[in-house]
Structure formats: structure tokens, C-alpha cells
Amino acid sequence: MAGFKPVYTANATVTGGRDGTGKTDDGRLDLKLDVPEGLGGKGGDGTNPEQLFAVGWAACFEGAIGGVSGDTDVSAVSIDATVEIGKGEGGLGLQATLAVTLPGVDDETAKKIVHDAHQVCPYSKATRGNVPTTLTANGQPVEA
């Protein structure tokens, strides 16, 4: 990306793939990975990449909401992120839903904030055009 200047770098090592372990170089994250039953695994007590992706995207998206909300109070925002993996025409793929709740914010303002956050969130930018994404704000659909 032209003019790209990293401001933070995350490093992680996975061994054993979806049925292994994942660990960050700073030791803050050290977890067991398991293949979900829906993908033919045992569905053990470990996490999976889709769960990690959902958490990461929701956290990033909430940061973007804070950045685009202006004077609107978004301190109680909640995001339910769903990431699904499934089979499509080109093999396995992902689709996602971000259901954003902005208590005390009227629906039209909430929809604008969610739309604008989707334009600037790095996860949203990375997935745009590649991962079908459904957005809602206070239960109302938002144009992605």
C-alpha cells in the first residue's frame, strides 16, 4: 500500500493449524485451537479462527464508531459479531454480521454512525468486496 507506515505490529505463531495452538510473541495470548464440529472437528474447548476474527472485527469496529460519532454519546455501544464459514461457488468462504446497539441514539443517527464506521474500520476495509457483510444499527438494516 503506497505511503503505508505501520503504527503497531502484531506477531503471532500458530502450530498445528486449526487443531493446534496460537500464541502472540508478547505472551498476552496463548490459546488452544479446536476445529468446530460443523467443520468435522471434535468441538473441543479451544477457540477457532472465526471466533477470533469476530472478536477482532467487533473491537476494531467499536473503535471506528468512537472515531466517527462526533458529539454523540456512544459510551454504551455493544456489537454482536457473527462470522460464518461455509461452502459457496468458489469453495469455503466467510460471511459476517455486525449487529450494533447504540442505546439512547435515535435510529437514523445510529445508522449513519454504523455506516460511517464501516467506511473507516480497517477490518471492514480489508473484507469489503470479499466477505458479504450485513450491518444493523439498533435492529435497523444499514447499507454496507
C-alpha atoms as a PDB file:
ATOM      1  CA  MET A   1       0.000   0.000   0.000  1.00  0.00           C
ATOM      2  CA  ALA A   2       1.575   3.269  -1.089  1.00  0.00           C
ATOM      3  CA  GLY A   3       2.557   5.508   1.796  1.00  0.00           C
ATOM      4  CA  PHE A   4       1.762   2.847   4.409  1.00  0.00           C
ATOM      5  CA  LYS A   5       3.527   3.471   7.712  1.00  0.00           C
ATOM      6  CA  PRO A   6       2.861   0.873  10.426  1.00  0.00           C
ATOM      7  CA  VAL A   7       1.963   2.286  13.847  1.00  0.00           C
ATOM      8  CA  TYR A   8       1.582  -1.108  15.516  1.00  0.00           C
ATOM      9  CA  THR A   9       2.633  -4.635  14.589  1.00  0.00           C
ATOM     10  CA  ALA A  10       1.091  -7.828  15.960  1.00  0.00           C
ATOM     11  CA  ASN A  11       3.031 -11.068  15.706  1.00  0.00           C
ATOM     12  CA  ALA A  12       1.545 -14.496  16.332  1.00  0.00           C
ATOM     13  CA  THR A  13       2.650 -18.058  15.775  1.00  0.00           C
ATOM     14  CA  VAL A  14       0.281 -20.962  15.146  1.00  0.00           C
ATOM     15  CA  THR A  15       1.414 -24.556  15.250  1.00  0.00           C
ATOM     16  CA  GLY A  16      -0.878 -27.412  14.349  1.00  0.00           C
ATOM     17  CA  GLY A  17      -3.309 -25.291  12.312  1.00  0.00           C
ATOM     18  CA  ARG A  18      -6.973 -25.283  13.342  1.00  0.00           C
ATOM     19  CA  ASP A  19      -6.324 -28.101  15.817  1.00  0.00           C
ATOM     20  CA  GLY A  20      -3.192 -26.656  17.395  1.00  0.00           C
ATOM     21  CA  THR A  21      -2.103 -23.661  19.433  1.00  0.00           C
ATOM     22  CA  GLY A  22      -1.802 -19.940  18.835  1.00  0.00           C
ATOM     23  CA  LYS A  23       0.466 -17.579  20.700  1.00  0.00           C
ATOM     24  CA  THR A  24       1.492 -13.953  20.382  1.00  0.00           C
ATOM     25  CA  ASP A  25       5.146 -13.013  20.699  1.00  0.00           C
ATOM     26  CA  ASP A  26       4.437 -10.880  23.780  1.00  0.00           C
ATOM     27  CA  GLY A  27       2.759 -13.818  25.571  1.00  0.00           C
ATOM     28  CA  ARG A  28      -0.527 -11.975  26.133  1.00  0.00           C
ATOM     29  CA  LEU A  29      -2.427 -14.502  24.055  1.00  0.00           C
ATOM     30  CA  ASP A  30      -1.676 -18.199  24.345  1.00  0.00           C
ATOM     31  CA  LEU A  31      -4.549 -20.440  23.421  1.00  0.00           C
ATOM     32  CA  LYS A  32      -5.643 -23.836  22.255  1.00  0.00           C
ATOM     33  CA  LEU A  33      -7.337 -24.071  18.880  1.00  0.00           C
ATOM     34  CA  ASP A  34     -10.004 -26.625  18.038  1.00  0.00           C
ATOM     35  CA  VAL A  35     -11.862 -27.454  14.858  1.00  0.00           C
ATOM     36  CA  PRO A  36     -15.632 -26.865  15.349  1.00  0.00           C
ATOM     37  CA  GLU A  37     -17.924 -29.856  14.920  1.00  0.00           C
ATOM     38  CA  GLY A  38     -19.508 -28.124  11.928  1.00  0.00           C
ATOM     39  CA  LEU A  39     -16.165 -28.374  10.148  1.00  0.00           C
ATOM     40  CA  GLY A  40     -15.670 -32.025  11.052  1.00  0.00           C
ATOM     41  CA  GLY A  41     -13.774 -31.472  14.293  1.00  0.00           C
ATOM     42  CA  LYS A  42     -14.326 -32.693  17.815  1.00  0.00           C
ATOM     43  CA  GLY A  43     -15.577 -29.305  19.004  1.00  0.00           C
ATOM     44  CA  GLY A  44     -13.241 -29.231  21.982  1.00  0.00           C
ATOM     45  CA  ASP A  45     -12.786 -26.434  24.478  1.00  0.00           C
ATOM     46  CA  GLY A  46     -10.395 -24.438  22.275  1.00  0.00           C
ATOM     47  CA  THR A  47     -11.320 -21.465  20.155  1.00  0.00           C
ATOM     48  CA  ASN A  48     -11.284 -21.200  16.374  1.00  0.00           C
ATOM     49  CA  PRO A  49     -10.206 -18.591  13.816  1.00  0.00           C
ATOM     50  CA  GLU A  50     -13.762 -17.457  13.123  1.00  0.00           C
ATOM     51  CA  GLN A  51     -14.311 -16.633  16.804  1.00  0.00           C
ATOM     52  CA  LEU A  52     -11.046 -14.711  16.938  1.00  0.00           C
ATOM     53  CA  PHE A  53     -11.947 -12.843  13.757  1.00  0.00           C
ATOM     54  CA  ALA A  54     -15.396 -11.927  15.150  1.00  0.00           C
ATOM     55  CA  VAL A  55     -13.874 -10.545  18.359  1.00  0.00           C
ATOM     56  CA  GLY A  56     -11.166  -8.627  16.490  1.00  0.00           C
ATOM     57  CA  TRP A  57     -13.565  -7.102  13.987  1.00  0.00           C
ATOM     58  CA  ALA A  58     -16.085  -6.088  16.656  1.00  0.00           C
ATOM     59  CA  ALA A  59     -13.381  -4.453  18.777  1.00  0.00           C
ATOM     60  CA  CYS A  60     -11.953  -2.595  15.786  1.00  0.00           C
ATOM     61  CA  PHE A  61     -15.440  -1.565  14.649  1.00  0.00           C
ATOM     62  CA  GLU A  62     -16.247  -0.135  18.070  1.00  0.00           C
ATOM     63  CA  GLY A  63     -13.089   1.959  17.858  1.00  0.00           C
ATOM     64  CA  ALA A  64     -14.216   3.217  14.450  1.00  0.00           C
ATOM     65  CA  ILE A  65     -17.617   4.129  15.913  1.00  0.00           C
ATOM     66  CA  GLY A  66     -15.860   6.257  18.509  1.00  0.00           C
ATOM     67  CA  GLY A  67     -13.927   7.952  15.736  1.00  0.00           C
ATOM     68  CA  VAL A  68     -16.956   8.867  13.607  1.00  0.00           C
ATOM     69  CA  SER A  69     -19.585   9.574  16.276  1.00  0.00           C
ATOM     70  CA  GLY A  70     -18.695  13.224  16.845  1.00  0.00           C
ATOM     71  CA  ASP A  71     -20.586  14.591  19.850  1.00  0.00           C
ATOM     72  CA  THR A  72     -22.994  11.633  20.012  1.00  0.00           C
ATOM     73  CA  ASP A  73     -22.628   9.646  23.249  1.00  0.00           C
ATOM     74  CA  VAL A  74     -21.663   6.107  22.221  1.00  0.00           C
ATOM     75  CA  SER A  75     -20.208   5.033  25.569  1.00  0.00           C
ATOM     76  CA  ALA A  76     -22.624   2.103  25.958  1.00  0.00           C
ATOM     77  CA  VAL A  77     -22.190   0.638  22.451  1.00  0.00           C
ATOM     78  CA  SER A  78     -22.473  -3.127  22.068  1.00  0.00           C
ATOM     79  CA  ILE A  79     -21.603  -5.162  18.983  1.00  0.00           C
ATOM     80  CA  ASP A  80     -22.715  -8.731  18.326  1.00  0.00           C
ATOM     81  CA  ALA A  81     -20.390 -10.014  15.619  1.00  0.00           C
ATOM     82  CA  THR A  82     -21.162 -13.217  13.751  1.00  0.00           C
ATOM     83  CA  VAL A  83     -18.637 -14.759  11.381  1.00  0.00           C
ATOM     84  CA  GLU A  84     -19.759 -17.802   9.428  1.00  0.00           C
ATOM     85  CA  ILE A  85     -17.656 -20.111   7.312  1.00  0.00           C
ATOM     86  CA  GLY A  86     -19.397 -22.124   4.637  1.00  0.00           C
ATOM     87  CA  LYS A  87     -19.271 -23.563   1.179  1.00  0.00           C
ATOM     88  CA  GLY A  88     -20.068 -21.475  -1.861  1.00  0.00           C
ATOM     89  CA  GLU A  89     -19.322 -21.452  -5.569  1.00  0.00           C
ATOM     90  CA  GLY A  90     -15.590 -20.891  -5.032  1.00  0.00           C
ATOM     91  CA  GLY A  91     -15.172 -23.320  -2.124  1.00  0.00           C
ATOM     92  CA  LEU A  92     -15.022 -22.249   1.502  1.00  0.00           C
ATOM     93  CA  GLY A  93     -15.776 -18.624   2.258  1.00  0.00           C
ATOM     94  CA  LEU A  94     -16.869 -16.294   5.016  1.00  0.00           C
ATOM     95  CA  GLN A  95     -19.861 -14.065   5.654  1.00  0.00           C
ATOM     96  CA  ALA A  96     -20.405 -11.751   8.581  1.00  0.00           C
ATOM     97  CA  THR A  97     -22.996  -9.799  10.517  1.00  0.00           C
ATOM     98  CA  LEU A  98     -22.280  -6.861  12.791  1.00  0.00           C
ATOM     99  CA  ALA A  99     -25.332  -6.027  14.898  1.00  0.00           C
ATOM    100  CA  VAL A 100     -24.594  -2.734  16.623  1.00  0.00           C
ATOM    101  CA  THR A 101     -26.624  -1.412  19.544  1.00  0.00           C
ATOM    102  CA  LEU A 102     -26.263   2.262  20.408  1.00  0.00           C
ATOM    103  CA  PRO A 103     -28.505   2.859  23.448  1.00  0.00           C
ATOM    104  CA  GLY A 104     -30.023   6.323  23.619  1.00  0.00           C
ATOM    105  CA  VAL A 105     -29.146   7.108  19.992  1.00  0.00           C
ATOM    106  CA  ASP A 106     -32.028   7.615  17.575  1.00  0.00           C
ATOM    107  CA  ASP A 107     -32.211   5.107  14.730  1.00  0.00           C
ATOM    108  CA  GLU A 108     -31.252   7.466  11.891  1.00  0.00           C
ATOM    109  CA  THR A 109     -28.193   8.757  13.751  1.00  0.00           C
ATOM    110  CA  ALA A 110     -27.235   5.207  14.738  1.00  0.00           C
ATOM    111  CA  LYS A 111     -27.492   4.044  11.110  1.00  0.00           C
ATOM    112  CA  LYS A 112     -25.273   6.917   9.925  1.00  0.00           C
ATOM    113  CA  ILE A 113     -22.675   6.193  12.618  1.00  0.00           C
ATOM    114  CA  VAL A 114     -22.576   2.483  11.734  1.00  0.00           C
ATOM    115  CA  HIS A 115     -22.365   3.241   8.014  1.00  0.00           C
ATOM    116  CA  ASP A 116     -19.552   5.730   8.543  1.00  0.00           C
ATOM    117  CA  ALA A 117     -17.681   3.366  10.897  1.00  0.00           C
ATOM    118  CA  HIS A 118     -17.854   0.651   8.237  1.00  0.00           C
ATOM    119  CA  GLN A 119     -16.132   3.007   5.800  1.00  0.00           C
ATOM    120  CA  VAL A 120     -13.130   3.607   8.088  1.00  0.00           C
ATOM    121  CA  CYS A 121     -12.739   0.397  10.131  1.00  0.00           C
ATOM    122  CA  PRO A 122      -9.591  -1.424   8.919  1.00  0.00           C
ATOM    123  CA  TYR A 123     -11.300  -4.840   9.221  1.00  0.00           C
ATOM    124  CA  SER A 124     -14.238  -3.583   7.159  1.00  0.00           C
ATOM    125  CA  LYS A 125     -11.867  -2.195   4.553  1.00  0.00           C
ATOM    126  CA  ALA A 126      -9.950  -5.488   4.403  1.00  0.00           C
ATOM    127  CA  THR A 127     -13.092  -7.545   3.901  1.00  0.00           C
ATOM    128  CA  ARG A 128     -15.024  -5.183   1.615  1.00  0.00           C
ATOM    129  CA  GLY A 129     -15.877  -6.933  -1.628  1.00  0.00           C
ATOM    130  CA  ASN A 130     -14.590 -10.251  -0.252  1.00  0.00           C
ATOM    131  CA  VAL A 131     -16.818 -11.078   2.725  1.00  0.00           C
ATOM    132  CA  PRO A 132     -20.560 -10.460   2.409  1.00  0.00           C
ATOM    133  CA  THR A 133     -21.414  -8.320   5.431  1.00  0.00           C
ATOM    134  CA  THR A 134     -24.757  -7.461   6.991  1.00  0.00           C
ATOM    135  CA  LEU A 135     -24.880  -4.400   9.236  1.00  0.00           C
ATOM    136  CA  THR A 136     -27.605  -3.328  11.627  1.00  0.00           C
ATOM    137  CA  ALA A 137     -27.906  -0.366  13.968  1.00  0.00           C
ATOM    138  CA  ASN A 138     -30.401  -0.689  16.810  1.00  0.00           C
ATOM    139  CA  GLY A 139     -32.031  -3.524  14.890  1.00  0.00           C
ATOM    140  CA  GLN A 140     -32.411  -1.492  11.689  1.00  0.00           C
ATOM    141  CA  PRO A 141     -30.616  -2.552   8.483  1.00  0.00           C
ATOM    142  CA  VAL A 142     -27.698  -0.392   7.383  1.00  0.00           C
ATOM    143  CA  GLU A 143     -26.420  -0.155   3.812  1.00  0.00           C
ATOM    144  CA  ALA A 144     -22.956  -1.745   3.865  1.00  0.00           C
END
